[in-house]
Amino acid sequence: MDAKRRRDFQLEDAKGGKLATGVIYDEGNVQVLWRVDIGYTAEQYSSLNPVLDLMPGIVVLRLQNADS
């Protein structure tokens, strides 16, 4: 069974505060799982670009562990 490879990400402000967390898949699909302004969510996007426009103040995209 082929599983989708995924990488967790975190969006941060200039002071290192967490603004959002989610998952990026190799195909480019993005899932936002938590946002500081609305809490837990299940937003789906076809790419990372609209995610970076979610809220003002995002300066860091931190990629975390990768599942293979």
PDB file of N, CA and C in Angstrom:
ATOM      1  N   MET A   1       0.836  -1.177   0.000  1.00  0.00           N
ATOM      2  CA  MET A   1       0.000   0.000   0.000  1.00  0.00           C
ATOM      3  C   MET A   1       0.878   1.237   0.000  1.00  0.00           C
ATOM      4  N   ASP A   2       0.633   2.128  -0.933  1.00  0.00           N
ATOM      5  CA  ASP A   2       1.395   3.367  -0.998  1.00  0.00           C
ATOM      6  C   ASP A   2       0.743   4.418  -0.116  1.00  0.00           C
ATOM      7  N   ALA A   3       1.490   4.884   0.855  1.00  0.00           N
ATOM      8  CA  ALA A   3       0.990   5.946   1.730  1.00  0.00           C
ATOM      9  C   ALA A   3       1.523   7.281   1.229  1.00  0.00           C
ATOM     10  N   LYS A   4       0.713   8.309   1.388  1.00  0.00           N
ATOM     11  CA  LYS A   4       1.176   9.649   1.010  1.00  0.00           C
ATOM     12  C   LYS A   4       2.249  10.092   1.989  1.00  0.00           C
ATOM     13  N   ARG A   5       3.362  10.583   1.442  1.00  0.00           N
ATOM     14  CA  ARG A   5       4.393  11.136   2.304  1.00  0.00           C
ATOM     15  C   ARG A   5       3.967  12.524   2.723  1.00  0.00           C
ATOM     16  N   ARG A   6       4.165  12.865   3.973  1.00  0.00           N
ATOM     17  CA  ARG A   6       3.720  14.143   4.494  1.00  0.00           C
ATOM     18  C   ARG A   6       4.800  14.785   5.345  1.00  0.00           C
ATOM     19  N   ARG A   7       4.742  16.092   5.423  1.00  0.00           N
ATOM     20  CA  ARG A   7       5.675  16.849   6.252  1.00  0.00           C
ATOM     21  C   ARG A   7       4.887  17.866   7.053  1.00  0.00           C
ATOM     22  N   ASP A   8       5.079  17.862   8.362  1.00  0.00           N
ATOM     23  CA  ASP A   8       4.422  18.835   9.226  1.00  0.00           C
ATOM     24  C   ASP A   8       5.085  20.196   9.051  1.00  0.00           C
ATOM     25  N   PHE A   9       4.281  21.248   9.179  1.00  0.00           N
ATOM     26  CA  PHE A   9       4.835  22.596   9.119  1.00  0.00           C
ATOM     27  C   PHE A   9       4.228  23.461  10.210  1.00  0.00           C
ATOM     28  N   GLN A  10       4.922  24.554  10.476  1.00  0.00           N
ATOM     29  CA  GLN A  10       4.470  25.542  11.442  1.00  0.00           C
ATOM     30  C   GLN A  10       4.763  26.918  10.862  1.00  0.00           C
ATOM     31  N   LEU A  11       3.810  27.822  10.949  1.00  0.00           N
ATOM     32  CA  LEU A  11       4.004  29.201  10.523  1.00  0.00           C
ATOM     33  C   LEU A  11       4.205  30.045  11.771  1.00  0.00           C
ATOM     34  N   GLU A  12       5.223  30.931  11.730  1.00  0.00           N
ATOM     35  CA  GLU A  12       5.566  31.723  12.906  1.00  0.00           C
ATOM     36  C   GLU A  12       5.669  33.194  12.559  1.00  0.00           C
ATOM     37  N   ASP A  13       5.516  34.033  13.591  1.00  0.00           N
ATOM     38  CA  ASP A  13       5.727  35.467  13.420  1.00  0.00           C
ATOM     39  C   ASP A  13       7.183  35.810  13.705  1.00  0.00           C
ATOM     40  N   ALA A  14       7.530  37.089  13.659  1.00  0.00           N
ATOM     41  CA  ALA A  14       8.920  37.527  13.821  1.00  0.00           C
ATOM     42  C   ALA A  14       9.471  37.217  15.214  1.00  0.00           C
ATOM     43  N   LYS A  15       8.602  37.073  16.210  1.00  0.00           N
ATOM     44  CA  LYS A  15       9.047  36.781  17.577  1.00  0.00           C
ATOM     45  C   LYS A  15       9.072  35.289  17.879  1.00  0.00           C
ATOM     46  N   GLY A  16       8.771  34.461  16.889  1.00  0.00           N
ATOM     47  CA  GLY A  16       8.772  33.018  17.080  1.00  0.00           C
ATOM     48  C   GLY A  16       7.446  32.462  17.568  1.00  0.00           C
ATOM     49  N   GLY A  17       6.418  33.309  17.620  1.00  0.00           N
ATOM     50  CA  GLY A  17       5.104  32.844  18.043  1.00  0.00           C
ATOM     51  C   GLY A  17       4.437  32.008  16.963  1.00  0.00           C
ATOM     52  N   LYS A  18       3.795  30.923  17.369  1.00  0.00           N
ATOM     53  CA  LYS A  18       3.137  30.019  16.427  1.00  0.00           C
ATOM     54  C   LYS A  18       1.831  30.645  15.939  1.00  0.00           C
ATOM     55  N   LEU A  19       1.659  30.734  14.615  1.00  0.00           N
ATOM     56  CA  LEU A  19       0.446  31.287  14.016  1.00  0.00           C
ATOM     57  C   LEU A  19      -0.446  30.201  13.424  1.00  0.00           C
ATOM     58  N   ALA A  20       0.144  29.118  12.932  1.00  0.00           N
ATOM     59  CA  ALA A  20      -0.635  28.034  12.338  1.00  0.00           C
ATOM     60  C   ALA A  20       0.234  26.784  12.242  1.00  0.00           C
ATOM     61  N   THR A  21      -0.427  25.626  12.204  1.00  0.00           N
ATOM     62  CA  THR A  21       0.264  24.359  11.991  1.00  0.00           C
ATOM     63  C   THR A  21      -0.535  23.546  10.982  1.00  0.00           C
ATOM     64  N   GLY A  22       0.156  22.617  10.349  1.00  0.00           N
ATOM     65  CA  GLY A  22      -0.522  21.785   9.372  1.00  0.00           C
ATOM     66  C   GLY A  22       0.390  20.760   8.752  1.00  0.00           C
ATOM     67  N   VAL A  23      -0.043  20.264   7.583  1.00  0.00           N
ATOM     68  CA  VAL A  23       0.659  19.191   6.887  1.00  0.00           C
ATOM     69  C   VAL A  23       0.774  19.541   5.409  1.00  0.00           C
ATOM     70  N   ILE A  24       1.964  19.319   4.841  1.00  0.00           N
ATOM     71  CA  ILE A  24       2.184  19.468   3.398  1.00  0.00           C
ATOM     72  C   ILE A  24       2.450  18.069   2.837  1.00  0.00           C
ATOM     73  N   TYR A  25       1.740  17.717   1.779  1.00  0.00           N
ATOM     74  CA  TYR A  25       1.939  16.427   1.105  1.00  0.00           C
ATOM     75  C   TYR A  25       2.835  16.621  -0.106  1.00  0.00           C
ATOM     76  N   ASP A  26       3.529  15.563  -0.520  1.00  0.00           N
ATOM     77  CA  ASP A  26       4.440  15.640  -1.666  1.00  0.00           C
ATOM     78  C   ASP A  26       3.754  16.145  -2.933  1.00  0.00           C
ATOM     79  N   GLU A  27       2.472  15.833  -3.077  1.00  0.00           N
ATOM     80  CA  GLU A  27       1.737  16.267  -4.267  1.00  0.00           C
ATOM     81  C   GLU A  27       1.505  17.772  -4.285  1.00  0.00           C
ATOM     82  N   GLY A  28       1.780  18.442  -3.166  1.00  0.00           N
ATOM     83  CA  GLY A  28       1.597  19.884  -3.077  1.00  0.00           C
ATOM     84  C   GLY A  28       0.367  20.293  -2.293  1.00  0.00           C
ATOM     85  N   ASN A  29      -0.512  19.333  -1.990  1.00  0.00           N
ATOM     86  CA  ASN A  29      -1.697  19.645  -1.197  1.00  0.00           C
ATOM     87  C   ASN A  29      -1.298  20.040   0.215  1.00  0.00           C
ATOM     88  N   VAL A  30      -2.083  20.949   0.805  1.00  0.00           N
ATOM     89  CA  VAL A  30      -1.786  21.451   2.140  1.00  0.00           C
ATOM     90  C   VAL A  30      -3.046  21.357   2.995  1.00  0.00           C
ATOM     91  N   GLN A  31      -2.867  20.947   4.232  1.00  0.00           N
ATOM     92  CA  GLN A  31      -3.941  20.897   5.207  1.00  0.00           C
ATOM     93  C   GLN A  31      -3.526  21.757   6.394  1.00  0.00           C
ATOM     94  N   VAL A  32      -4.341  22.746   6.742  1.00  0.00           N
ATOM     95  CA  VAL A  32      -4.095  23.559   7.927  1.00  0.00           C
ATOM     96  C   VAL A  32      -4.933  22.958   9.052  1.00  0.00           C
ATOM     97  N   LEU A  33      -4.265  22.570  10.140  1.00  0.00           N
ATOM     98  CA  LEU A  33      -4.947  21.885  11.236  1.00  0.00           C
ATOM     99  C   LEU A  33      -5.255  22.784  12.421  1.00  0.00           C
ATOM    100  N   TRP A  34      -4.506  23.881  12.580  1.00  0.00           N
ATOM    101  CA  TRP A  34      -4.718  24.797  13.705  1.00  0.00           C
ATOM    102  C   TRP A  34      -4.259  26.188  13.307  1.00  0.00           C
ATOM    103  N   ARG A  35      -5.042  27.182  13.695  1.00  0.00           N
ATOM    104  CA  ARG A  35      -4.694  28.589  13.477  1.00  0.00           C
ATOM    105  C   ARG A  35      -4.909  29.351  14.765  1.00  0.00           C
ATOM    106  N   VAL A  36      -4.006  30.269  15.071  1.00  0.00           N
ATOM    107  CA  VAL A  36      -4.098  31.037  16.304  1.00  0.00           C
ATOM    108  C   VAL A  36      -5.373  31.885  16.345  1.00  0.00           C
ATOM    109  N   ASP A  37      -5.860  32.325  15.193  1.00  0.00           N
ATOM    110  CA  ASP A  37      -7.029  33.210  15.179  1.00  0.00           C
ATOM    111  C   ASP A  37      -8.366  32.485  15.273  1.00  0.00           C
ATOM    112  N   ILE A  38      -8.427  31.188  14.920  1.00  0.00           N
ATOM    113  CA  ILE A  38      -9.707  30.472  14.984  1.00  0.00           C
ATOM    114  C   ILE A  38      -9.634  29.129  15.704  1.00  0.00           C
ATOM    115  N   GLY A  39      -8.457  28.689  16.070  1.00  0.00           N
ATOM    116  CA  GLY A  39      -8.315  27.409  16.769  1.00  0.00           C
ATOM    117  C   GLY A  39      -8.198  26.242  15.794  1.00  0.00           C
ATOM    118  N   TYR A  40      -8.719  25.080  16.216  1.00  0.00           N
ATOM    119  CA  TYR A  40      -8.608  23.885  15.378  1.00  0.00           C
ATOM    120  C   TYR A  40      -9.496  24.011  14.152  1.00  0.00           C
ATOM    121  N   THR A  41      -8.955  23.545  13.030  1.00  0.00           N
ATOM    122  CA  THR A  41      -9.640  23.658  11.748  1.00  0.00           C
ATOM    123  C   THR A  41      -9.235  22.483  10.868  1.00  0.00           C
ATOM    124  N   ALA A  42      -9.807  22.393   9.712  1.00  0.00           N
ATOM    125  CA  ALA A  42      -9.439  21.342   8.750  1.00  0.00           C
ATOM    126  C   ALA A  42      -9.492  21.939   7.352  1.00  0.00           C
ATOM    127  N   GLU A  43      -8.768  23.024   7.156  1.00  0.00           N
ATOM    128  CA  GLU A  43      -8.763  23.712   5.866  1.00  0.00           C
ATOM    129  C   GLU A  43      -7.885  22.974   4.877  1.00  0.00           C
ATOM    130  N   GLN A  44      -8.342  22.875   3.641  1.00  0.00           N
ATOM    131  CA  GLN A  44      -7.608  22.187   2.578  1.00  0.00           C
ATOM    132  C   GLN A  44      -7.250  23.196   1.487  1.00  0.00           C
ATOM    133  N   TYR A  45      -6.017  23.126   1.000  1.00  0.00           N
ATOM    134  CA  TYR A  45      -5.556  23.996  -0.081  1.00  0.00           C
ATOM    135  C   TYR A  45      -4.795  23.162  -1.103  1.00  0.00           C
ATOM    136  N   SER A  46      -4.781  23.622  -2.340  1.00  0.00           N
ATOM    137  CA  SER A  46      -4.100  22.881  -3.403  1.00  0.00           C
ATOM    138  C   SER A  46      -2.612  23.196  -3.471  1.00  0.00           C
ATOM    139  N   SER A  47      -2.184  24.262  -2.782  1.00  0.00           N
ATOM    140  CA  SER A  47      -0.760  24.604  -2.748  1.00  0.00           C
ATOM    141  C   SER A  47      -0.463  25.396  -1.479  1.00  0.00           C
ATOM    142  N   LEU A  48       0.793  25.696  -1.278  1.00  0.00           N
ATOM    143  CA  LEU A  48       1.230  26.435  -0.100  1.00  0.00           C
ATOM    144  C   LEU A  48       0.971  27.943  -0.218  1.00  0.00           C
ATOM    145  N   ASN A  49       0.877  28.461  -1.435  1.00  0.00           N
ATOM    146  CA  ASN A  49       0.738  29.905  -1.628  1.00  0.00           C
ATOM    147  C   ASN A  49      -0.423  30.534  -0.871  1.00  0.00           C
ATOM    148  N   PRO A  50      -1.653  30.018  -0.967  1.00  0.00           N
ATOM    149  CA  PRO A  50      -2.739  30.658  -0.215  1.00  0.00           C
ATOM    150  C   PRO A  50      -2.568  30.546   1.301  1.00  0.00           C
ATOM    151  N   VAL A  51      -1.863  29.539   1.759  1.00  0.00           N
ATOM    152  CA  VAL A  51      -1.632  29.369   3.191  1.00  0.00           C
ATOM    153  C   VAL A  51      -0.772  30.510   3.728  1.00  0.00           C
ATOM    154  N   LEU A  52       0.200  30.936   2.949  1.00  0.00           N
ATOM    155  CA  LEU A  52       1.073  32.018   3.389  1.00  0.00           C
ATOM    156  C   LEU A  52       0.340  33.356   3.453  1.00  0.00           C
ATOM    157  N   ASP A  53      -0.807  33.453   2.784  1.00  0.00           N
ATOM    158  CA  ASP A  53      -1.624  34.669   2.823  1.00  0.00           C
ATOM    159  C   ASP A  53      -2.719  34.601   3.886  1.00  0.00           C
ATOM    160  N   LEU A  54      -2.726  33.576   4.723  1.00  0.00           N
ATOM    161  CA  LEU A  54      -3.790  33.404   5.717  1.00  0.00           C
ATOM    162  C   LEU A  54      -3.915  34.587   6.669  1.00  0.00           C
ATOM    163  N   MET A  55      -2.787  35.082   7.131  1.00  0.00           N
ATOM    164  CA  MET A  55      -2.808  36.152   8.116  1.00  0.00           C
ATOM    165  C   MET A  55      -1.540  36.989   7.989  1.00  0.00           C
ATOM    166  N   PRO A  56      -1.628  38.259   8.321  1.00  0.00           N
ATOM    167  CA  PRO A  56      -0.431  39.103   8.269  1.00  0.00           C
ATOM    168  C   PRO A  56       0.558  38.692   9.361  1.00  0.00           C
ATOM    169  N   GLY A  57       1.805  38.927   9.114  1.00  0.00           N
ATOM    170  CA  GLY A  57       2.821  38.680  10.129  1.00  0.00           C
ATOM    171  C   GLY A  57       3.564  37.371  10.012  1.00  0.00           C
ATOM    172  N   ILE A  58       3.231  36.532   9.043  1.00  0.00           N
ATOM    173  CA  ILE A  58       3.967  35.272   8.866  1.00  0.00           C
ATOM    174  C   ILE A  58       5.337  35.592   8.280  1.00  0.00           C
ATOM    175  N   VAL A  59       6.384  35.207   8.989  1.00  0.00           N
ATOM    176  CA  VAL A  59       7.742  35.418   8.482  1.00  0.00           C
ATOM    177  C   VAL A  59       8.557  34.129   8.426  1.00  0.00           C
ATOM    178  N   VAL A  60       8.078  33.065   9.074  1.00  0.00           N
ATOM    179  CA  VAL A  60       8.819  31.802   9.094  1.00  0.00           C
ATOM    180  C   VAL A  60       7.884  30.650   8.722  1.00  0.00           C
ATOM    181  N   LEU A  61       8.334  29.836   7.786  1.00  0.00           N
ATOM    182  CA  LEU A  61       7.692  28.560   7.479  1.00  0.00           C
ATOM    183  C   LEU A  61       8.667  27.490   7.953  1.00  0.00           C
ATOM    184  N   ARG A  62       8.339  26.829   9.053  1.00  0.00           N
ATOM    185  CA  ARG A  62       9.231  25.826   9.642  1.00  0.00           C
ATOM    186  C   ARG A  62       8.733  24.437   9.268  1.00  0.00           C
ATOM    187  N   LEU A  63       9.522  23.716   8.496  1.00  0.00           N
ATOM    188  CA  LEU A  63       9.207  22.331   8.130  1.00  0.00           C
ATOM    189  C   LEU A  63       9.731  21.415   9.212  1.00  0.00           C
ATOM    190  N   GLN A  64       8.913  20.469   9.610  1.00  0.00           N
ATOM    191  CA  GLN A  64       9.291  19.564  10.676  1.00  0.00           C
ATOM    192  C   GLN A  64       9.469  18.165  10.124  1.00  0.00           C
ATOM    193  N   ASN A  65       9.203  17.149  10.894  1.00  0.00           N
ATOM    194  CA  ASN A  65       9.489  15.765  10.501  1.00  0.00           C
ATOM    195  C   ASN A  65       8.853  15.377   9.172  1.00  0.00           C
ATOM    196  N   ALA A  66       9.468  14.420   8.509  1.00  0.00           N
ATOM    197  CA  ALA A  66       8.927  13.897   7.250  1.00  0.00           C
ATOM    198  C   ALA A  66       8.681  12.414   7.413  1.00  0.00           C
ATOM    199  N   ASP A  67       7.474  11.975   7.082  1.00  0.00           N
ATOM    200  CA  ASP A  67       7.170  10.543   7.076  1.00  0.00           C
ATOM    201  C   ASP A  67       7.464  10.010   5.689  1.00  0.00           C
ATOM    202  N   SER A  68       8.040   8.834   5.613  1.00  0.00           N
ATOM    203  CA  SER A  68       8.294   8.259   4.290  1.00  0.00           C
ATOM    204  C   SER A  68       7.440   7.059   4.045  1.00  0.00           C
TER     205      SER A  68
END
